N, C-alpha and C. Protein backbone atom coordinates (compact mmCIF):
# COMPACT_ATOMS: atom_id res chain seq x y z
N UNK A 1 0.84 -1.18 0.00
CA UNK A 1 0.00 0.00 0.00
C UNK A 1 0.88 1.24 0.00
N UNK A 2 0.59 2.22 -0.84
CA UNK A 2 1.40 3.42 -0.96
C UNK A 2 1.08 4.43 0.13
N UNK A 3 1.81 5.51 0.13
CA UNK A 3 1.56 6.60 1.07
C UNK A 3 0.24 7.26 0.74
N UNK A 4 -0.37 7.86 1.75
CA UNK A 4 -1.59 8.62 1.52
C UNK A 4 -1.30 9.77 0.56
N UNK A 5 -0.10 10.27 0.62
CA UNK A 5 0.34 11.33 -0.28
C UNK A 5 1.52 10.79 -1.06
N UNK A 6 1.42 10.77 -2.37
CA UNK A 6 2.43 10.12 -3.19
C UNK A 6 3.82 10.72 -3.04
N UNK A 7 3.93 11.98 -2.72
CA UNK A 7 5.23 12.63 -2.63
C UNK A 7 5.79 12.69 -1.23
N UNK A 8 5.30 11.87 -0.30
CA UNK A 8 5.74 11.92 1.10
C UNK A 8 7.25 11.83 1.24
N UNK A 9 7.89 10.94 0.51
CA UNK A 9 9.33 10.71 0.67
C UNK A 9 10.18 11.59 -0.24
N UNK A 10 9.56 12.36 -1.11
CA UNK A 10 10.30 13.17 -2.07
C UNK A 10 10.98 14.34 -1.37
N UNK A 11 12.27 14.49 -1.64
CA UNK A 11 13.02 15.66 -1.18
C UNK A 11 13.28 16.53 -2.40
N UNK A 12 13.09 17.82 -2.25
CA UNK A 12 13.35 18.75 -3.34
C UNK A 12 14.42 19.73 -2.92
N UNK A 13 15.20 20.15 -3.88
CA UNK A 13 16.25 21.12 -3.61
C UNK A 13 15.58 22.45 -3.26
N UNK A 14 15.80 22.89 -2.04
CA UNK A 14 15.20 24.15 -1.58
C UNK A 14 16.11 24.70 -0.51
N UNK A 15 16.59 25.91 -0.72
CA UNK A 15 17.51 26.55 0.23
C UNK A 15 16.71 27.43 1.19
N UNK A 16 16.74 27.05 2.45
CA UNK A 16 16.10 27.83 3.51
C UNK A 16 17.12 28.06 4.62
N UNK A 17 17.07 29.24 5.21
CA UNK A 17 17.91 29.51 6.36
C UNK A 17 17.34 28.73 7.55
N UNK A 18 18.24 28.13 8.34
CA UNK A 18 17.83 27.27 9.45
C UNK A 18 18.64 27.61 10.69
N UNK A 19 17.99 27.56 11.82
CA UNK A 19 18.67 27.60 13.11
C UNK A 19 18.51 26.21 13.71
N UNK A 20 19.62 25.57 14.03
CA UNK A 20 19.63 24.22 14.60
C UNK A 20 19.98 24.32 16.08
N UNK A 21 19.18 23.68 16.91
CA UNK A 21 19.43 23.68 18.36
C UNK A 21 19.64 22.24 18.83
N UNK A 22 20.75 22.06 19.56
CA UNK A 22 21.06 20.76 20.17
C UNK A 22 21.02 20.95 21.67
N UNK A 23 20.54 19.95 22.40
CA UNK A 23 20.53 20.08 23.86
C UNK A 23 21.94 20.36 24.40
N UNK A 24 22.06 21.39 25.23
CA UNK A 24 23.32 21.71 25.87
C UNK A 24 24.39 22.27 24.96
N UNK A 25 24.02 22.77 23.79
CA UNK A 25 25.01 23.31 22.85
C UNK A 25 24.50 24.62 22.26
N UNK A 26 25.41 25.38 21.66
CA UNK A 26 25.03 26.63 21.02
C UNK A 26 24.20 26.38 19.77
N UNK A 27 23.39 27.38 19.43
CA UNK A 27 22.63 27.32 18.18
C UNK A 27 23.59 27.36 17.00
N UNK A 28 23.21 26.70 15.92
CA UNK A 28 24.01 26.69 14.70
C UNK A 28 23.16 27.25 13.57
N UNK A 29 23.68 28.25 12.87
CA UNK A 29 23.02 28.75 11.67
C UNK A 29 23.49 27.90 10.49
N UNK A 30 22.55 27.32 9.77
CA UNK A 30 22.90 26.48 8.62
C UNK A 30 21.80 26.65 7.56
N UNK A 31 21.85 25.80 6.53
CA UNK A 31 20.88 25.90 5.44
C UNK A 31 20.41 24.51 5.03
N UNK A 32 19.20 24.48 4.51
CA UNK A 32 18.73 23.22 3.94
C UNK A 32 19.41 23.03 2.59
N UNK A 33 19.67 21.80 2.27
CA UNK A 33 20.15 21.42 0.94
C UNK A 33 18.98 20.87 0.14
N UNK A 34 18.13 20.12 0.83
CA UNK A 34 16.90 19.57 0.25
C UNK A 34 15.92 19.35 1.39
N UNK A 35 14.62 19.36 1.06
CA UNK A 35 13.60 19.24 2.08
C UNK A 35 12.38 18.54 1.49
N UNK A 36 11.66 17.85 2.34
CA UNK A 36 10.43 17.17 1.94
C UNK A 36 9.42 17.25 3.06
N UNK A 37 8.33 16.48 2.95
CA UNK A 37 7.28 16.50 3.95
C UNK A 37 7.64 15.72 5.21
N UNK A 38 8.67 14.86 5.15
CA UNK A 38 9.02 14.05 6.30
C UNK A 38 10.47 14.21 6.77
N UNK A 39 11.29 14.85 5.95
CA UNK A 39 12.71 14.91 6.29
C UNK A 39 13.38 16.08 5.58
N UNK A 40 14.64 16.33 5.96
CA UNK A 40 15.42 17.35 5.28
C UNK A 40 16.89 17.01 5.35
N UNK A 41 17.64 17.57 4.41
CA UNK A 41 19.10 17.49 4.40
C UNK A 41 19.62 18.87 4.74
N UNK A 42 20.51 18.93 5.71
CA UNK A 42 21.11 20.20 6.11
C UNK A 42 22.58 20.20 5.77
N UNK A 43 23.10 21.39 5.48
CA UNK A 43 24.54 21.54 5.27
C UNK A 43 25.05 22.58 6.26
N UNK A 44 26.28 22.35 6.72
CA UNK A 44 26.90 23.27 7.66
C UNK A 44 26.44 23.08 9.09
N UNK A 45 26.17 21.82 9.48
CA UNK A 45 25.58 21.56 10.80
C UNK A 45 26.58 21.30 11.92
N UNK A 46 27.82 21.03 11.58
CA UNK A 46 28.78 20.69 12.64
C UNK A 46 28.60 19.25 13.09
N UNK A 47 28.95 18.99 14.32
CA UNK A 47 28.96 17.62 14.84
C UNK A 47 27.58 17.21 15.35
N UNK A 48 26.99 16.21 14.70
CA UNK A 48 25.74 15.60 15.14
C UNK A 48 25.92 14.09 15.14
N UNK A 49 25.07 13.40 15.90
CA UNK A 49 25.16 11.96 16.00
C UNK A 49 23.84 11.31 15.60
N UNK A 50 23.89 10.17 14.91
CA UNK A 50 22.65 9.47 14.57
C UNK A 50 21.81 9.18 15.82
N UNK A 51 20.52 9.32 15.68
CA UNK A 51 19.47 9.16 16.72
C UNK A 51 19.38 10.36 17.66
N UNK A 52 20.27 11.34 17.52
CA UNK A 52 20.23 12.53 18.36
C UNK A 52 18.98 13.35 18.05
N UNK A 53 18.32 13.85 19.07
CA UNK A 53 17.18 14.73 18.90
C UNK A 53 17.64 16.17 18.79
N UNK A 54 17.10 16.90 17.83
CA UNK A 54 17.44 18.31 17.64
C UNK A 54 16.16 19.08 17.31
N UNK A 55 16.27 20.39 17.38
CA UNK A 55 15.17 21.26 17.00
C UNK A 55 15.67 22.16 15.88
N UNK A 56 14.87 22.31 14.83
CA UNK A 56 15.24 23.19 13.73
C UNK A 56 14.16 24.26 13.54
N UNK A 57 14.61 25.45 13.24
CA UNK A 57 13.70 26.52 12.87
C UNK A 57 13.94 26.82 11.40
N UNK A 58 12.96 26.51 10.58
CA UNK A 58 13.04 26.74 9.14
C UNK A 58 12.59 28.15 8.81
N UNK A 59 13.13 28.69 7.73
CA UNK A 59 12.81 30.05 7.29
C UNK A 59 13.01 31.00 8.47
N UNK A 60 14.14 30.81 9.14
CA UNK A 60 14.42 31.52 10.39
C UNK A 60 14.38 33.03 10.24
N UNK A 61 14.65 33.55 9.04
CA UNK A 61 14.67 35.00 8.85
C UNK A 61 13.35 35.54 8.33
N UNK A 62 12.34 34.68 8.15
CA UNK A 62 11.05 35.16 7.64
C UNK A 62 10.16 35.62 8.79
N UNK A 63 9.02 36.19 8.44
CA UNK A 63 8.07 36.64 9.45
C UNK A 63 7.37 35.47 10.13
N UNK A 64 7.33 34.33 9.45
CA UNK A 64 6.63 33.16 10.00
C UNK A 64 7.55 31.94 9.97
N UNK A 65 8.56 31.93 10.86
CA UNK A 65 9.44 30.76 10.91
C UNK A 65 8.67 29.54 11.42
N UNK A 66 9.21 28.37 11.15
CA UNK A 66 8.59 27.12 11.57
C UNK A 66 9.60 26.32 12.37
N UNK A 67 9.27 26.01 13.62
CA UNK A 67 10.17 25.24 14.48
C UNK A 67 9.64 23.82 14.60
N UNK A 68 10.53 22.85 14.31
CA UNK A 68 10.17 21.43 14.31
C UNK A 68 11.19 20.62 15.10
N UNK A 69 10.73 19.54 15.69
CA UNK A 69 11.62 18.60 16.37
C UNK A 69 11.99 17.51 15.38
N UNK A 70 13.27 17.17 15.34
CA UNK A 70 13.77 16.18 14.37
C UNK A 70 14.65 15.16 15.06
N UNK A 71 14.88 14.09 14.37
CA UNK A 71 15.81 13.05 14.80
C UNK A 71 16.86 12.92 13.72
N UNK A 72 18.14 12.91 14.11
CA UNK A 72 19.23 12.76 13.15
C UNK A 72 19.24 11.30 12.68
N UNK A 73 19.14 11.10 11.37
CA UNK A 73 19.16 9.76 10.79
C UNK A 73 20.57 9.37 10.34
N UNK A 74 21.29 10.33 9.74
CA UNK A 74 22.63 10.05 9.23
C UNK A 74 23.40 11.35 9.11
N UNK A 75 24.73 11.25 9.16
CA UNK A 75 25.59 12.41 8.97
C UNK A 75 26.74 12.04 8.05
N UNK A 76 27.26 13.05 7.36
CA UNK A 76 28.44 12.90 6.51
C UNK A 76 29.15 14.24 6.51
N UNK A 77 30.19 14.36 7.30
CA UNK A 77 30.92 15.63 7.40
C UNK A 77 29.99 16.72 7.92
N UNK A 78 29.91 17.84 7.19
CA UNK A 78 29.06 18.94 7.65
C UNK A 78 27.59 18.79 7.23
N UNK A 79 27.22 17.65 6.69
CA UNK A 79 25.85 17.42 6.23
C UNK A 79 25.13 16.44 7.15
N UNK A 80 23.82 16.61 7.26
CA UNK A 80 23.03 15.70 8.09
C UNK A 80 21.66 15.49 7.46
N UNK A 81 21.17 14.25 7.57
CA UNK A 81 19.83 13.89 7.14
C UNK A 81 18.99 13.77 8.41
N UNK A 82 17.95 14.61 8.52
CA UNK A 82 17.10 14.63 9.69
C UNK A 82 15.67 14.26 9.29
N UNK A 83 15.02 13.46 10.13
CA UNK A 83 13.63 13.09 9.92
C UNK A 83 12.79 13.84 10.95
N UNK A 84 11.68 14.42 10.48
CA UNK A 84 10.80 15.16 11.38
C UNK A 84 10.11 14.20 12.35
N UNK A 85 9.99 14.61 13.59
CA UNK A 85 9.13 13.90 14.53
C UNK A 85 7.69 14.19 14.06
N UNK A 86 6.71 13.41 14.52
CA UNK A 86 5.33 13.65 14.05
C UNK A 86 4.94 15.13 14.15
N UNK A 87 4.36 15.64 13.06
CA UNK A 87 3.98 17.05 12.97
C UNK A 87 2.51 17.23 13.31
N UNK A 88 2.19 18.38 13.90
CA UNK A 88 0.79 18.74 14.09
C UNK A 88 0.23 19.16 12.74
N UNK A 89 -1.08 19.26 12.66
CA UNK A 89 -1.72 19.69 11.40
C UNK A 89 -1.25 21.10 11.03
N UNK A 90 -1.12 21.98 12.00
CA UNK A 90 -0.67 23.36 11.73
C UNK A 90 0.78 23.36 11.23
N UNK A 91 1.63 22.54 11.84
CA UNK A 91 3.02 22.47 11.38
C UNK A 91 3.09 21.92 9.96
N UNK A 92 2.30 20.91 9.64
CA UNK A 92 2.30 20.33 8.30
C UNK A 92 1.83 21.35 7.27
N UNK A 93 0.80 22.14 7.62
CA UNK A 93 0.33 23.18 6.70
C UNK A 93 1.42 24.21 6.43
N UNK A 94 2.12 24.65 7.47
CA UNK A 94 3.19 25.64 7.30
C UNK A 94 4.35 25.06 6.49
N UNK A 95 4.69 23.81 6.75
CA UNK A 95 5.74 23.16 5.97
C UNK A 95 5.34 23.08 4.50
N UNK A 96 4.09 22.72 4.24
CA UNK A 96 3.61 22.66 2.86
C UNK A 96 3.70 24.03 2.18
N UNK A 97 3.43 25.10 2.94
CA UNK A 97 3.56 26.45 2.38
C UNK A 97 5.00 26.73 1.95
N UNK A 98 5.96 26.22 2.72
CA UNK A 98 7.37 26.41 2.37
C UNK A 98 7.77 25.56 1.17
N UNK A 99 7.13 24.41 1.01
CA UNK A 99 7.49 23.48 -0.05
C UNK A 99 6.79 23.75 -1.37
N UNK A 100 5.49 23.89 -1.33
CA UNK A 100 4.70 23.96 -2.56
C UNK A 100 4.56 25.40 -3.03
N UNK A 101 4.59 25.59 -4.32
CA UNK A 101 4.32 26.93 -4.84
C UNK A 101 2.85 27.29 -4.61
N UNK A 102 2.55 28.57 -4.52
CA UNK A 102 1.17 29.02 -4.36
C UNK A 102 0.51 28.95 -5.73
N UNK A 103 0.01 27.79 -6.05
CA UNK A 103 -0.52 27.51 -7.39
C UNK A 103 -1.90 26.91 -7.25
N UNK A 104 -2.83 27.32 -8.10
CA UNK A 104 -4.22 26.86 -8.00
C UNK A 104 -4.45 25.50 -8.65
N UNK A 105 -3.47 24.97 -9.36
CA UNK A 105 -3.62 23.65 -9.95
C UNK A 105 -4.35 23.63 -11.28
N UNK A 106 -4.70 24.79 -11.82
CA UNK A 106 -5.49 24.82 -13.05
C UNK A 106 -4.59 24.67 -14.27
N UNK A 107 -3.63 25.55 -14.44
CA UNK A 107 -2.77 25.53 -15.62
C UNK A 107 -1.43 24.89 -15.25
N UNK A 108 -1.12 23.76 -15.88
CA UNK A 108 0.11 23.04 -15.55
C UNK A 108 1.36 23.86 -15.86
N UNK A 109 1.35 24.62 -16.94
CA UNK A 109 2.52 25.44 -17.28
C UNK A 109 2.75 26.51 -16.21
N UNK A 110 1.67 27.11 -15.70
CA UNK A 110 1.81 28.07 -14.59
C UNK A 110 2.48 27.41 -13.39
N UNK A 111 2.05 26.20 -13.08
CA UNK A 111 2.64 25.47 -11.96
C UNK A 111 4.12 25.21 -12.18
N UNK A 112 4.49 24.84 -13.39
CA UNK A 112 5.89 24.56 -13.70
C UNK A 112 6.74 25.83 -13.56
N UNK A 113 6.23 26.94 -14.03
CA UNK A 113 6.97 28.20 -13.93
C UNK A 113 7.11 28.63 -12.47
N UNK A 114 6.03 28.50 -11.69
CA UNK A 114 6.11 28.85 -10.27
C UNK A 114 7.11 27.96 -9.55
N UNK A 115 7.10 26.67 -9.87
CA UNK A 115 8.05 25.76 -9.24
C UNK A 115 9.48 26.09 -9.65
N UNK A 116 9.69 26.46 -10.89
CA UNK A 116 11.05 26.76 -11.33
C UNK A 116 11.59 28.00 -10.62
N UNK A 117 10.72 28.97 -10.35
CA UNK A 117 11.14 30.16 -9.60
C UNK A 117 11.53 29.79 -8.18
N UNK A 118 10.78 28.90 -7.56
CA UNK A 118 11.02 28.53 -6.18
C UNK A 118 12.20 27.59 -6.03
N UNK A 119 12.32 26.61 -6.94
CA UNK A 119 13.34 25.58 -6.79
C UNK A 119 14.53 25.77 -7.71
N UNK A 120 14.43 26.66 -8.66
CA UNK A 120 15.54 26.90 -9.56
C UNK A 120 15.73 25.75 -10.54
N UNK A 121 15.59 26.06 -11.80
CA UNK A 121 15.80 25.06 -12.84
C UNK A 121 16.66 25.71 -13.92
N UNK A 122 17.89 25.22 -14.04
CA UNK A 122 18.79 25.82 -15.02
C UNK A 122 19.30 24.81 -16.03
N UNK A 123 18.86 23.56 -15.91
CA UNK A 123 19.28 22.55 -16.88
C UNK A 123 18.07 21.72 -17.29
N UNK A 124 18.20 21.00 -18.37
CA UNK A 124 17.11 20.15 -18.83
C UNK A 124 16.76 19.11 -17.77
N UNK A 125 17.77 18.56 -17.11
CA UNK A 125 17.54 17.57 -16.07
C UNK A 125 16.68 18.16 -14.95
N UNK A 126 16.98 19.39 -14.53
CA UNK A 126 16.21 20.03 -13.47
C UNK A 126 14.79 20.33 -13.92
N UNK A 127 14.60 20.75 -15.16
CA UNK A 127 13.25 20.99 -15.68
C UNK A 127 12.45 19.70 -15.72
N UNK A 128 13.08 18.62 -16.12
CA UNK A 128 12.39 17.32 -16.16
C UNK A 128 12.04 16.85 -14.75
N UNK A 129 12.93 17.09 -13.79
CA UNK A 129 12.64 16.73 -12.40
C UNK A 129 11.44 17.52 -11.89
N UNK A 130 11.40 18.82 -12.19
CA UNK A 130 10.27 19.64 -11.77
C UNK A 130 8.97 19.19 -12.44
N UNK A 131 9.06 18.81 -13.70
CA UNK A 131 7.88 18.31 -14.41
C UNK A 131 7.37 17.04 -13.74
N UNK A 132 8.28 16.16 -13.34
CA UNK A 132 7.90 14.94 -12.65
C UNK A 132 7.25 15.26 -11.30
N UNK A 133 7.84 16.17 -10.54
CA UNK A 133 7.26 16.56 -9.26
C UNK A 133 5.88 17.20 -9.45
N UNK A 134 5.74 18.00 -10.48
CA UNK A 134 4.45 18.63 -10.77
C UNK A 134 3.38 17.57 -11.03
N UNK A 135 3.73 16.51 -11.73
CA UNK A 135 2.75 15.46 -12.00
C UNK A 135 2.32 14.76 -10.71
N UNK A 136 3.21 14.67 -9.73
CA UNK A 136 2.86 14.08 -8.43
C UNK A 136 2.01 15.05 -7.62
N UNK A 137 2.37 16.33 -7.63
CA UNK A 137 1.68 17.32 -6.81
C UNK A 137 0.32 17.73 -7.37
N UNK A 138 0.17 17.71 -8.68
CA UNK A 138 -1.04 18.25 -9.30
C UNK A 138 -2.33 17.71 -8.69
N UNK A 139 -2.50 16.39 -8.54
CA UNK A 139 -3.76 15.92 -7.95
C UNK A 139 -3.98 16.43 -6.52
N UNK A 140 -2.92 16.60 -5.75
CA UNK A 140 -3.05 17.08 -4.38
C UNK A 140 -3.38 18.57 -4.35
N UNK A 141 -2.77 19.34 -5.24
CA UNK A 141 -2.99 20.78 -5.27
C UNK A 141 -4.44 21.09 -5.63
N UNK A 142 -5.00 20.35 -6.56
CA UNK A 142 -6.38 20.61 -6.97
C UNK A 142 -7.39 20.26 -5.88
N UNK A 143 -6.98 19.43 -4.91
CA UNK A 143 -7.88 19.02 -3.82
C UNK A 143 -7.73 19.88 -2.56
N UNK A 144 -6.63 20.64 -2.46
CA UNK A 144 -6.43 21.37 -1.21
C UNK A 144 -7.37 22.56 -1.12
N UNK A 145 -7.79 22.89 0.10
CA UNK A 145 -8.71 24.01 0.26
C UNK A 145 -8.05 25.33 -0.07
N UNK A 146 -8.78 26.22 -0.60
CA UNK A 146 -8.30 27.56 -0.97
C UNK A 146 -8.89 28.58 -0.08
């Protein structure tokens, strides 16, 4: 049986400013390398350990930052793969706002252009990746409340 949402495991390249907090340590300013509905990849995180619990504030410099609790799944040098602890409905909505373009789902080309502005597409491979993501998101976007 598949996920309730087909793109649950999909990570997309999205650069967001992040504040990482570890118990008993200083805050670390870092950035996302990729992010999805269940996890994110961070760069510039310093020393983290698998299974360690951390708190991240996404879009830290925006008017509406989002703070989430995560578990470190893996690390490689200054990079870390973190999985979100279960999110509240409000947290999931805010995360979706950071991930999905503000698109009504009517015109597919509009959606592709909005996604390219948000995620950056400078090569044919990146455009094809965005087209593939758009095909996954389209049914969900047309069903979400406006």
